[in-house]
Amino acid sequence: MMNYTLSAMAITAEEVLREIGPVQEILDSHDGVVTVIDTADGNVMLSLDGGCVGCSSTPMTAMQIYYSLKKLDTVNDVIFVNGELPEYMRTFIDQKMADESSRSEGEII
């Protein structure tokens, strides 16, 4: 039963690319490419290629992608194989998301 639940929650490469659509529009204008390498077990493995290689904005792009994908229930982790997301940025986003979550849970409607 557990395997069925995990497979039902899988995310596809197409869904990953659709989710990062707004970022991809910017990348397209700079010849940047997001390559989805794997999505097994909700661990999305990406590479930023093309115009992203050597670009000083790549960590910010990776941060936007990480934030967008980590909001999805089907995503456990986002791994950039080229190391485009420094650990301190990952920690910052994780804390921001935890703060957002605790605020929304504590709101009185």
PDB file of N, CA and C in Angstrom:
ATOM      1  N   MET A   1       0.822  -1.190   0.000  1.00  0.00           N
ATOM      2  CA  MET A   1       0.000   0.000   0.000  1.00  0.00           C
ATOM      3  C   MET A   1       0.868   1.257   0.000  1.00  0.00           C
ATOM      4  N   MET A   2       1.942   1.232   0.750  1.00  0.00           N
ATOM      5  CA  MET A   2       2.795   2.411   0.828  1.00  0.00           C
ATOM      6  C   MET A   2       3.419   2.743  -0.530  1.00  0.00           C
ATOM      7  N   ASN A   3       3.854   1.741  -1.278  1.00  0.00           N
ATOM      8  CA  ASN A   3       4.429   1.986  -2.593  1.00  0.00           C
ATOM      9  C   ASN A   3       3.427   2.654  -3.513  1.00  0.00           C
ATOM     10  N   TYR A   4       2.171   2.249  -3.423  1.00  0.00           N
ATOM     11  CA  TYR A   4       1.128   2.845  -4.242  1.00  0.00           C
ATOM     12  C   TYR A   4       0.981   4.338  -3.917  1.00  0.00           C
ATOM     13  N   THR A   5       0.997   4.658  -2.637  1.00  0.00           N
ATOM     14  CA  THR A   5       0.864   6.043  -2.212  1.00  0.00           C
ATOM     15  C   THR A   5       2.029   6.881  -2.723  1.00  0.00           C
ATOM     16  N   LEU A   6       3.236   6.342  -2.618  1.00  0.00           N
ATOM     17  CA  LEU A   6       4.397   7.089  -3.103  1.00  0.00           C
ATOM     18  C   LEU A   6       4.335   7.306  -4.601  1.00  0.00           C
ATOM     19  N   SER A   7       3.953   6.280  -5.359  1.00  0.00           N
ATOM     20  CA  SER A   7       3.916   6.442  -6.810  1.00  0.00           C
ATOM     21  C   SER A   7       2.808   7.399  -7.229  1.00  0.00           C
ATOM     22  N   ALA A   8       1.723   7.454  -6.471  1.00  0.00           N
ATOM     23  CA  ALA A   8       0.640   8.367  -6.790  1.00  0.00           C
ATOM     24  C   ALA A   8       1.069   9.818  -6.575  1.00  0.00           C
ATOM     25  N   MET A   9       2.050  10.030  -5.719  1.00  0.00           N
ATOM     26  CA  MET A   9       2.487  11.388  -5.416  1.00  0.00           C
ATOM     27  C   MET A   9       3.706  11.806  -6.229  1.00  0.00           C
ATOM     28  N   ALA A  10       4.141  10.983  -7.169  1.00  0.00           N
ATOM     29  CA  ALA A  10       5.341  11.284  -7.944  1.00  0.00           C
ATOM     30  C   ALA A  10       5.133  12.541  -8.782  1.00  0.00           C
ATOM     31  N   ILE A  11       6.216  13.217  -9.049  1.00  0.00           N
ATOM     32  CA  ILE A  11       6.187  14.395  -9.918  1.00  0.00           C
ATOM     33  C   ILE A  11       6.991  14.066 -11.168  1.00  0.00           C
ATOM     34  N   THR A  12       6.505  14.516 -12.291  1.00  0.00           N
ATOM     35  CA  THR A  12       7.182  14.249 -13.560  1.00  0.00           C
ATOM     36  C   THR A  12       8.068  15.428 -13.948  1.00  0.00           C
ATOM     37  N   ALA A  13       8.970  15.175 -14.873  1.00  0.00           N
ATOM     38  CA  ALA A  13       9.839  16.246 -15.394  1.00  0.00           C
ATOM     39  C   ALA A  13       8.996  17.349 -16.019  1.00  0.00           C
ATOM     40  N   GLU A  14       7.926  16.977 -16.699  1.00  0.00           N
ATOM     41  CA  GLU A  14       7.047  17.964 -17.331  1.00  0.00           C
ATOM     42  C   GLU A  14       6.397  18.868 -16.299  1.00  0.00           C
ATOM     43  N   GLU A  15       5.970  18.272 -15.173  1.00  0.00           N
ATOM     44  CA  GLU A  15       5.369  19.068 -14.102  1.00  0.00           C
ATOM     45  C   GLU A  15       6.386  20.009 -13.471  1.00  0.00           C
ATOM     46  N   VAL A  16       7.611  19.557 -13.322  1.00  0.00           N
ATOM     47  CA  VAL A  16       8.677  20.405 -12.783  1.00  0.00           C
ATOM     48  C   VAL A  16       8.873  21.610 -13.694  1.00  0.00           C
ATOM     49  N   LEU A  17       9.005  21.358 -14.979  1.00  0.00           N
ATOM     50  CA  LEU A  17       9.229  22.450 -15.936  1.00  0.00           C
ATOM     51  C   LEU A  17       8.031  23.395 -15.999  1.00  0.00           C
ATOM     52  N   ARG A  18       6.838  22.859 -15.881  1.00  0.00           N
ATOM     53  CA  ARG A  18       5.632  23.699 -15.880  1.00  0.00           C
ATOM     54  C   ARG A  18       5.619  24.594 -14.634  1.00  0.00           C
ATOM     55  N   GLU A  19       6.019  24.046 -13.500  1.00  0.00           N
ATOM     56  CA  GLU A  19       6.008  24.793 -12.241  1.00  0.00           C
ATOM     57  C   GLU A  19       7.003  25.958 -12.260  1.00  0.00           C
ATOM     58  N   ILE A  20       8.107  25.786 -12.950  1.00  0.00           N
ATOM     59  CA  ILE A  20       9.118  26.859 -12.998  1.00  0.00           C
ATOM     60  C   ILE A  20       8.937  27.737 -14.226  1.00  0.00           C
ATOM     61  N   GLY A  21       7.779  27.668 -14.836  1.00  0.00           N
ATOM     62  CA  GLY A  21       7.471  28.421 -16.051  1.00  0.00           C
ATOM     63  C   GLY A  21       7.898  29.877 -16.054  1.00  0.00           C
ATOM     64  N   PRO A  22       7.517  30.672 -15.029  1.00  0.00           N
ATOM     65  CA  PRO A  22       7.910  32.086 -15.037  1.00  0.00           C
ATOM     66  C   PRO A  22       9.435  32.283 -15.062  1.00  0.00           C
ATOM     67  N   VAL A  23      10.160  31.422 -14.366  1.00  0.00           N
ATOM     68  CA  VAL A  23      11.626  31.512 -14.374  1.00  0.00           C
ATOM     69  C   VAL A  23      12.151  31.113 -15.747  1.00  0.00           C
ATOM     70  N   GLN A  24      11.528  30.107 -16.357  1.00  0.00           N
ATOM     71  CA  GLN A  24      11.979  29.646 -17.670  1.00  0.00           C
ATOM     72  C   GLN A  24      11.844  30.734 -18.726  1.00  0.00           C
ATOM     73  N   GLU A  25      10.812  31.563 -18.622  1.00  0.00           N
ATOM     74  CA  GLU A  25      10.640  32.660 -19.571  1.00  0.00           C
ATOM     75  C   GLU A  25      11.847  33.598 -19.538  1.00  0.00           C
ATOM     76  N   ILE A  26      12.349  33.877 -18.345  1.00  0.00           N
ATOM     77  CA  ILE A  26      13.534  34.741 -18.203  1.00  0.00           C
ATOM     78  C   ILE A  26      14.763  34.020 -18.742  1.00  0.00           C
ATOM     79  N   LEU A  27      14.888  32.728 -18.396  1.00  0.00           N
ATOM     80  CA  LEU A  27      16.030  31.956 -18.874  1.00  0.00           C
ATOM     81  C   LEU A  27      16.057  31.907 -20.400  1.00  0.00           C
ATOM     82  N   ASP A  28      14.897  31.766 -21.012  1.00  0.00           N
ATOM     83  CA  ASP A  28      14.820  31.707 -22.474  1.00  0.00           C
ATOM     84  C   ASP A  28      15.432  32.946 -23.114  1.00  0.00           C
ATOM     85  N   SER A  29      15.210  34.100 -22.509  1.00  0.00           N
ATOM     86  CA  SER A  29      15.738  35.336 -23.080  1.00  0.00           C
ATOM     87  C   SER A  29      17.250  35.465 -22.894  1.00  0.00           C
ATOM     88  N   HIS A  30      17.827  34.600 -22.033  1.00  0.00           N
ATOM     89  CA  HIS A  30      19.276  34.628 -21.794  1.00  0.00           C
ATOM     90  C   HIS A  30      19.943  33.314 -22.186  1.00  0.00           C
ATOM     91  N   ASP A  31      19.256  32.505 -22.972  1.00  0.00           N
ATOM     92  CA  ASP A  31      19.767  31.202 -23.423  1.00  0.00           C
ATOM     93  C   ASP A  31      20.059  30.248 -22.266  1.00  0.00           C
ATOM     94  N   GLY A  32      19.356  30.405 -21.152  1.00  0.00           N
ATOM     95  CA  GLY A  32      19.502  29.488 -20.027  1.00  0.00           C
ATOM     96  C   GLY A  32      18.587  28.289 -20.201  1.00  0.00           C
ATOM     97  N   VAL A  33      19.012  27.167 -19.665  1.00  0.00           N
ATOM     98  CA  VAL A  33      18.251  25.924 -19.810  1.00  0.00           C
ATOM     99  C   VAL A  33      18.197  25.206 -18.464  1.00  0.00           C
ATOM    100  N   VAL A  34      17.002  24.764 -18.086  1.00  0.00           N
ATOM    101  CA  VAL A  34      16.832  23.911 -16.913  1.00  0.00           C
ATOM    102  C   VAL A  34      16.710  22.488 -17.429  1.00  0.00           C
ATOM    103  N   THR A  35      17.607  21.626 -16.982  1.00  0.00           N
ATOM    104  CA  THR A  35      17.569  20.222 -17.359  1.00  0.00           C
ATOM    105  C   THR A  35      17.122  19.416 -16.147  1.00  0.00           C
ATOM    106  N   VAL A  36      16.004  18.698 -16.296  1.00  0.00           N
ATOM    107  CA  VAL A  36      15.520  17.826 -15.231  1.00  0.00           C
ATOM    108  C   VAL A  36      16.195  16.476 -15.421  1.00  0.00           C
ATOM    109  N   ILE A  37      17.015  16.097 -14.463  1.00  0.00           N
ATOM    110  CA  ILE A  37      17.780  14.856 -14.553  1.00  0.00           C
ATOM    111  C   ILE A  37      17.009  13.685 -13.957  1.00  0.00           C
ATOM    112  N   ASP A  38      16.346  13.934 -12.823  1.00  0.00           N
ATOM    113  CA  ASP A  38      15.627  12.857 -12.153  1.00  0.00           C
ATOM    114  C   ASP A  38      14.577  13.458 -11.222  1.00  0.00           C
ATOM    115  N   THR A  39      13.515  12.691 -10.973  1.00  0.00           N
ATOM    116  CA  THR A  39      12.479  13.124 -10.035  1.00  0.00           C
ATOM    117  C   THR A  39      12.099  11.991  -9.083  1.00  0.00           C
ATOM    118  N   ALA A  40      12.937  10.978  -8.968  1.00  0.00           N
ATOM    119  CA  ALA A  40      12.625   9.797  -8.159  1.00  0.00           C
ATOM    120  C   ALA A  40      12.351  10.163  -6.709  1.00  0.00           C
ATOM    121  N   ASP A  41      11.312   9.563  -6.158  1.00  0.00           N
ATOM    122  CA  ASP A  41      10.952   9.711  -4.751  1.00  0.00           C
ATOM    123  C   ASP A  41      10.743  11.162  -4.327  1.00  0.00           C
ATOM    124  N   GLY A  42      10.360  12.025  -5.268  1.00  0.00           N
ATOM    125  CA  GLY A  42      10.129  13.420  -4.935  1.00  0.00           C
ATOM    126  C   GLY A  42      11.392  14.237  -4.774  1.00  0.00           C
ATOM    127  N   ASN A  43      12.539  13.652  -5.107  1.00  0.00           N
ATOM    128  CA  ASN A  43      13.812  14.369  -5.067  1.00  0.00           C
ATOM    129  C   ASN A  43      14.128  14.823  -6.488  1.00  0.00           C
ATOM    130  N   VAL A  44      13.926  16.097  -6.725  1.00  0.00           N
ATOM    131  CA  VAL A  44      14.090  16.653  -8.062  1.00  0.00           C
ATOM    132  C   VAL A  44      15.555  17.034  -8.259  1.00  0.00           C
ATOM    133  N   MET A  45      16.175  16.428  -9.247  1.00  0.00           N
ATOM    134  CA  MET A  45      17.577  16.695  -9.549  1.00  0.00           C
ATOM    135  C   MET A  45      17.634  17.510 -10.845  1.00  0.00           C
ATOM    136  N   LEU A  46      18.223  18.704 -10.735  1.00  0.00           N
ATOM    137  CA  LEU A  46      18.265  19.642 -11.851  1.00  0.00           C
ATOM    138  C   LEU A  46      19.686  20.088 -12.167  1.00  0.00           C
ATOM    139  N   SER A  47      19.830  20.565 -13.388  1.00  0.00           N
ATOM    140  CA  SER A  47      21.063  21.219 -13.798  1.00  0.00           C
ATOM    141  C   SER A  47      20.677  22.495 -14.534  1.00  0.00           C
ATOM    142  N   LEU A  48      21.359  23.577 -14.244  1.00  0.00           N
ATOM    143  CA  LEU A  48      21.154  24.822 -14.976  1.00  0.00           C
ATOM    144  C   LEU A  48      22.270  24.922 -16.005  1.00  0.00           C
ATOM    145  N   ASP A  49      21.876  24.928 -17.262  1.00  0.00           N
ATOM    146  CA  ASP A  49      22.848  24.840 -18.346  1.00  0.00           C
ATOM    147  C   ASP A  49      22.720  26.022 -19.300  1.00  0.00           C
ATOM    148  N   GLY A  50      23.445  25.949 -20.410  1.00  0.00           N
ATOM    149  CA  GLY A  50      23.397  27.006 -21.413  1.00  0.00           C
ATOM    150  C   GLY A  50      23.924  28.307 -20.860  1.00  0.00           C
ATOM    151  N   GLY A  51      23.143  29.374 -21.013  1.00  0.00           N
ATOM    152  CA  GLY A  51      23.550  30.695 -20.558  1.00  0.00           C
ATOM    153  C   GLY A  51      23.719  30.804 -19.056  1.00  0.00           C
ATOM    154  N   CYS A  52      23.232  29.816 -18.292  1.00  0.00           N
ATOM    155  CA  CYS A  52      23.375  29.838 -16.831  1.00  0.00           C
ATOM    156  C   CYS A  52      24.813  29.570 -16.391  1.00  0.00           C
ATOM    157  N   VAL A  53      25.539  28.833 -17.212  1.00  0.00           N
ATOM    158  CA  VAL A  53      26.906  28.457 -16.852  1.00  0.00           C
ATOM    159  C   VAL A  53      27.768  29.715 -16.773  1.00  0.00           C
ATOM    160  N   GLY A  54      28.277  29.989 -15.587  1.00  0.00           N
ATOM    161  CA  GLY A  54      29.139  31.148 -15.378  1.00  0.00           C
ATOM    162  C   GLY A  54      28.401  32.454 -15.143  1.00  0.00           C
ATOM    163  N   CYS A  55      27.080  32.447 -15.185  1.00  0.00           N
ATOM    164  CA  CYS A  55      26.306  33.674 -14.985  1.00  0.00           C
ATOM    165  C   CYS A  55      26.237  34.006 -13.500  1.00  0.00           C
ATOM    166  N   SER A  56      26.427  35.263 -13.163  1.00  0.00           N
ATOM    167  CA  SER A  56      26.415  35.672 -11.759  1.00  0.00           C
ATOM    168  C   SER A  56      25.011  35.610 -11.146  1.00  0.00           C
ATOM    169  N   SER A  57      23.983  35.538 -11.953  1.00  0.00           N
ATOM    170  CA  SER A  57      22.604  35.464 -11.451  1.00  0.00           C
ATOM    171  C   SER A  57      22.124  34.039 -11.213  1.00  0.00           C
ATOM    172  N   THR A  58      22.937  33.052 -11.561  1.00  0.00           N
ATOM    173  CA  THR A  58      22.515  31.660 -11.443  1.00  0.00           C
ATOM    174  C   THR A  58      22.094  31.274 -10.022  1.00  0.00           C
ATOM    175  N   PRO A  59      22.804  31.673  -8.959  1.00  0.00           N
ATOM    176  CA  PRO A  59      22.331  31.319  -7.612  1.00  0.00           C
ATOM    177  C   PRO A  59      20.941  31.882  -7.300  1.00  0.00           C
ATOM    178  N   MET A  60      20.647  33.080  -7.775  1.00  0.00           N
ATOM    179  CA  MET A  60      19.325  33.663  -7.549  1.00  0.00           C
ATOM    180  C   MET A  60      18.265  32.902  -8.341  1.00  0.00           C
ATOM    181  N   THR A  61      18.593  32.497  -9.541  1.00  0.00           N
ATOM    182  CA  THR A  61      17.681  31.694 -10.354  1.00  0.00           C
ATOM    183  C   THR A  61      17.410  30.372  -9.646  1.00  0.00           C
ATOM    184  N   ALA A  62      18.466  29.728  -9.161  1.00  0.00           N
ATOM    185  CA  ALA A  62      18.319  28.461  -8.446  1.00  0.00           C
ATOM    186  C   ALA A  62      17.456  28.655  -7.197  1.00  0.00           C
ATOM    187  N   MET A  63      17.619  29.774  -6.510  1.00  0.00           N
ATOM    188  CA  MET A  63      16.842  30.052  -5.316  1.00  0.00           C
ATOM    189  C   MET A  63      15.358  30.163  -5.667  1.00  0.00           C
ATOM    190  N   GLN A  64      15.022  30.837  -6.753  1.00  0.00           N
ATOM    191  CA  GLN A  64      13.633  30.963  -7.177  1.00  0.00           C
ATOM    192  C   GLN A  64      13.038  29.606  -7.543  1.00  0.00           C
ATOM    193  N   ILE A  65      13.816  28.796  -8.236  1.00  0.00           N
ATOM    194  CA  ILE A  65      13.352  27.461  -8.627  1.00  0.00           C
ATOM    195  C   ILE A  65      13.141  26.604  -7.382  1.00  0.00           C
ATOM    196  N   TYR A  66      14.098  26.618  -6.478  1.00  0.00           N
ATOM    197  CA  TYR A  66      14.015  25.842  -5.241  1.00  0.00           C
ATOM    198  C   TYR A  66      12.755  26.221  -4.467  1.00  0.00           C
ATOM    199  N   TYR A  67      12.526  27.502  -4.299  1.00  0.00           N
ATOM    200  CA  TYR A  67      11.365  27.995  -3.549  1.00  0.00           C
ATOM    201  C   TYR A  67      10.062  27.543  -4.201  1.00  0.00           C
ATOM    202  N   SER A  68       9.965  27.679  -5.518  1.00  0.00           N
ATOM    203  CA  SER A  68       8.749  27.274  -6.234  1.00  0.00           C
ATOM    204  C   SER A  68       8.473  25.790  -6.093  1.00  0.00           C
ATOM    205  N   LEU A  69       9.500  24.981  -6.245  1.00  0.00           N
ATOM    206  CA  LEU A  69       9.306  23.533  -6.212  1.00  0.00           C
ATOM    207  C   LEU A  69       9.074  22.999  -4.807  1.00  0.00           C
ATOM    208  N   LYS A  70       9.733  23.586  -3.811  1.00  0.00           N
ATOM    209  CA  LYS A  70       9.571  23.104  -2.432  1.00  0.00           C
ATOM    210  C   LYS A  70       8.167  23.372  -1.890  1.00  0.00           C
ATOM    211  N   LYS A  71       7.408  24.238  -2.517  1.00  0.00           N
ATOM    212  CA  LYS A  71       6.030  24.493  -2.114  1.00  0.00           C
ATOM    213  C   LYS A  71       5.115  23.324  -2.470  1.00  0.00           C
ATOM    214  N   LEU A  72       5.541  22.479  -3.386  1.00  0.00           N
ATOM    215  CA  LEU A  72       4.717  21.370  -3.851  1.00  0.00           C
ATOM    216  C   LEU A  72       4.785  20.193  -2.880  1.00  0.00           C
ATOM    217  N   ASP A  73       3.653  19.608  -2.597  1.00  0.00           N
ATOM    218  CA  ASP A  73       3.606  18.456  -1.692  1.00  0.00           C
ATOM    219  C   ASP A  73       4.365  17.258  -2.245  1.00  0.00           C
ATOM    220  N   THR A  74       4.479  17.169  -3.554  1.00  0.00           N
ATOM    221  CA  THR A  74       5.131  16.017  -4.181  1.00  0.00           C
ATOM    222  C   THR A  74       6.647  16.135  -4.230  1.00  0.00           C
ATOM    223  N   VAL A  75       7.199  17.259  -3.768  1.00  0.00           N
ATOM    224  CA  VAL A  75       8.646  17.478  -3.827  1.00  0.00           C
ATOM    225  C   VAL A  75       9.238  17.415  -2.419  1.00  0.00           C
ATOM    226  N   ASN A  76      10.160  16.477  -2.228  1.00  0.00           N
ATOM    227  CA  ASN A  76      10.871  16.360  -0.950  1.00  0.00           C
ATOM    228  C   ASN A  76      12.091  17.268  -0.911  1.00  0.00           C
ATOM    229  N   ASP A  77      12.825  17.288  -2.017  1.00  0.00           N
ATOM    230  CA  ASP A  77      14.062  18.066  -2.068  1.00  0.00           C
ATOM    231  C   ASP A  77      14.344  18.466  -3.506  1.00  0.00           C
ATOM    232  N   VAL A  78      15.126  19.513  -3.665  1.00  0.00           N
ATOM    233  CA  VAL A  78      15.573  19.979  -4.977  1.00  0.00           C
ATOM    234  C   VAL A  78      17.090  20.018  -4.930  1.00  0.00           C
ATOM    235  N   ILE A  79      17.708  19.260  -5.812  1.00  0.00           N
ATOM    236  CA  ILE A  79      19.167  19.144  -5.831  1.00  0.00           C
ATOM    237  C   ILE A  79      19.686  19.682  -7.155  1.00  0.00           C
ATOM    238  N   PHE A  80      20.599  20.625  -7.068  1.00  0.00           N
ATOM    239  CA  PHE A  80      21.232  21.172  -8.266  1.00  0.00           C
ATOM    240  C   PHE A  80      22.582  20.480  -8.423  1.00  0.00           C
ATOM    241  N   VAL A  81      22.726  19.699  -9.481  1.00  0.00           N
ATOM    242  CA  VAL A  81      23.936  18.885  -9.638  1.00  0.00           C
ATOM    243  C   VAL A  81      25.185  19.724  -9.866  1.00  0.00           C
ATOM    244  N   ASN A  82      25.015  20.944 -10.323  1.00  0.00           N
ATOM    245  CA  ASN A  82      26.174  21.818 -10.549  1.00  0.00           C
ATOM    246  C   ASN A  82      26.452  22.715  -9.349  1.00  0.00           C
ATOM    247  N   GLY A  83      25.729  22.509  -8.262  1.00  0.00           N
ATOM    248  CA  GLY A  83      25.957  23.301  -7.049  1.00  0.00           C
ATOM    249  C   GLY A  83      25.513  24.732  -7.160  1.00  0.00           C
ATOM    250  N   GLU A  84      24.469  25.003  -7.938  1.00  0.00           N
ATOM    251  CA  GLU A  84      24.039  26.378  -8.184  1.00  0.00           C
ATOM    252  C   GLU A  84      23.358  27.056  -7.001  1.00  0.00           C
ATOM    253  N   LEU A  85      22.961  26.269  -5.979  1.00  0.00           N
ATOM    254  CA  LEU A  85      22.281  26.854  -4.822  1.00  0.00           C
ATOM    255  C   LEU A  85      23.153  26.674  -3.587  1.00  0.00           C
ATOM    256  N   PRO A  86      23.824  27.748  -3.155  1.00  0.00           N
ATOM    257  CA  PRO A  86      24.668  27.647  -1.957  1.00  0.00           C
ATOM    258  C   PRO A  86      23.848  27.246  -0.733  1.00  0.00           C
ATOM    259  N   GLU A  87      24.460  26.549   0.190  1.00  0.00           N
ATOM    260  CA  GLU A  87      23.779  26.032   1.378  1.00  0.00           C
ATOM    261  C   GLU A  87      23.107  27.139   2.186  1.00  0.00           C
ATOM    262  N   TYR A  88      23.746  28.314   2.283  1.00  0.00           N
ATOM    263  CA  TYR A  88      23.141  29.384   3.078  1.00  0.00           C
ATOM    264  C   TYR A  88      21.836  29.869   2.446  1.00  0.00           C
ATOM    265  N   MET A  89      21.728  29.821   1.102  1.00  0.00           N
ATOM    266  CA  MET A  89      20.483  30.212   0.442  1.00  0.00           C
ATOM    267  C   MET A  89      19.400  29.164   0.698  1.00  0.00           C
ATOM    268  N   ARG A  90      19.786  27.895   0.642  1.00  0.00           N
ATOM    269  CA  ARG A  90      18.854  26.797   0.916  1.00  0.00           C
ATOM    270  C   ARG A  90      18.303  26.943   2.347  1.00  0.00           C
ATOM    271  N   THR A  91      19.167  27.207   3.305  1.00  0.00           N
ATOM    272  CA  THR A  91      18.767  27.373   4.701  1.00  0.00           C
ATOM    273  C   THR A  91      17.833  28.565   4.847  1.00  0.00           C
ATOM    274  N   PHE A  92      18.144  29.664   4.176  1.00  0.00           N
ATOM    275  CA  PHE A  92      17.308  30.866   4.220  1.00  0.00           C
ATOM    276  C   PHE A  92      15.900  30.572   3.716  1.00  0.00           C
ATOM    277  N   ILE A  93      15.797  29.884   2.585  1.00  0.00           N
ATOM    278  CA  ILE A  93      14.488  29.580   2.004  1.00  0.00           C
ATOM    279  C   ILE A  93      13.715  28.622   2.908  1.00  0.00           C
ATOM    280  N   ASP A  94      14.387  27.597   3.408  1.00  0.00           N
ATOM    281  CA  ASP A  94      13.719  26.650   4.296  1.00  0.00           C
ATOM    282  C   ASP A  94      13.153  27.362   5.528  1.00  0.00           C
ATOM    283  N   GLN A  95      13.911  28.289   6.086  1.00  0.00           N
ATOM    284  CA  GLN A  95      13.442  29.049   7.251  1.00  0.00           C
ATOM    285  C   GLN A  95      12.273  29.948   6.877  1.00  0.00           C
ATOM    286  N   LYS A  96      12.358  30.597   5.730  1.00  0.00           N
ATOM    287  CA  LYS A  96      11.272  31.457   5.244  1.00  0.00           C
ATOM    288  C   LYS A  96       9.989  30.649   5.077  1.00  0.00           C
ATOM    289  N   MET A  97      10.093  29.462   4.515  1.00  0.00           N
ATOM    290  CA  MET A  97       8.918  28.622   4.311  1.00  0.00           C
ATOM    291  C   MET A  97       8.358  28.137   5.649  1.00  0.00           C
ATOM    292  N   ALA A  98       9.215  27.819   6.598  1.00  0.00           N
ATOM    293  CA  ALA A  98       8.764  27.405   7.924  1.00  0.00           C
ATOM    294  C   ALA A  98       8.041  28.559   8.619  1.00  0.00           C
ATOM    295  N   ASP A  99       8.588  29.776   8.485  1.00  0.00           N
ATOM    296  CA  ASP A  99       7.945  30.955   9.069  1.00  0.00           C
ATOM    297  C   ASP A  99       6.579  31.202   8.429  1.00  0.00           C
ATOM    298  N   GLU A 100       6.499  31.079   7.106  1.00  0.00           N
ATOM    299  CA  GLU A 100       5.233  31.274   6.392  1.00  0.00           C
ATOM    300  C   GLU A 100       4.209  30.243   6.846  1.00  0.00           C
ATOM    301  N   SER A 101       4.653  29.016   7.011  1.00  0.00           N
ATOM    302  CA  SER A 101       3.764  27.935   7.422  1.00  0.00           C
ATOM    303  C   SER A 101       3.229  28.163   8.828  1.00  0.00           C
ATOM    304  N   SER A 102       4.102  28.566   9.755  1.00  0.00           N
ATOM    305  CA  SER A 102       3.656  28.783  11.131  1.00  0.00           C
ATOM    306  C   SER A 102       2.734  30.001  11.220  1.00  0.00           C
ATOM    307  N   ARG A 103       2.960  31.008  10.391  1.00  0.00           N
ATOM    308  CA  ARG A 103       2.087  32.165  10.387  1.00  0.00           C
ATOM    309  C   ARG A 103       0.703  31.812   9.852  1.00  0.00           C
ATOM    310  N   SER A 104       0.646  31.035   8.781  1.00  0.00           N
ATOM    311  CA  SER A 104      -0.643  30.683   8.210  1.00  0.00           C
ATOM    312  C   SER A 104      -1.418  29.748   9.122  1.00  0.00           C
ATOM    313  N   GLU A 105      -0.717  28.894   9.870  1.00  0.00           N
ATOM    314  CA  GLU A 105      -1.393  27.995  10.814  1.00  0.00           C
ATOM    315  C   GLU A 105      -1.930  28.765  12.013  1.00  0.00           C
ATOM    316  N   GLY A 106      -1.279  29.849  12.374  1.00  0.00           N
ATOM    317  CA  GLY A 106      -1.670  30.606  13.555  1.00  0.00           C
ATOM    318  C   GLY A 106      -2.672  31.711  13.287  1.00  0.00           C
ATOM    319  N   GLU A 107      -3.031  31.927  12.024  1.00  0.00           N
ATOM    320  CA  GLU A 107      -3.964  33.000  11.690  1.00  0.00           C
ATOM    321  C   GLU A 107      -5.373  32.669  12.160  1.00  0.00           C
ATOM    322  N   ILE A 108      -6.050  33.685  12.648  1.00  0.00           N
ATOM    323  CA  ILE A 108      -7.447  33.537  13.046  1.00  0.00           C
ATOM    324  C   ILE A 108      -8.292  34.179  11.954  1.00  0.00           C
ATOM    325  N   ILE A 109      -9.226  33.420  11.461  1.00  0.00           N
ATOM    326  CA  ILE A 109     -10.073  33.909  10.362  1.00  0.00           C
ATOM    327  C   ILE A 109     -11.361  34.473  10.915  1.00  0.00           C
TER     328      ILE A 109
END
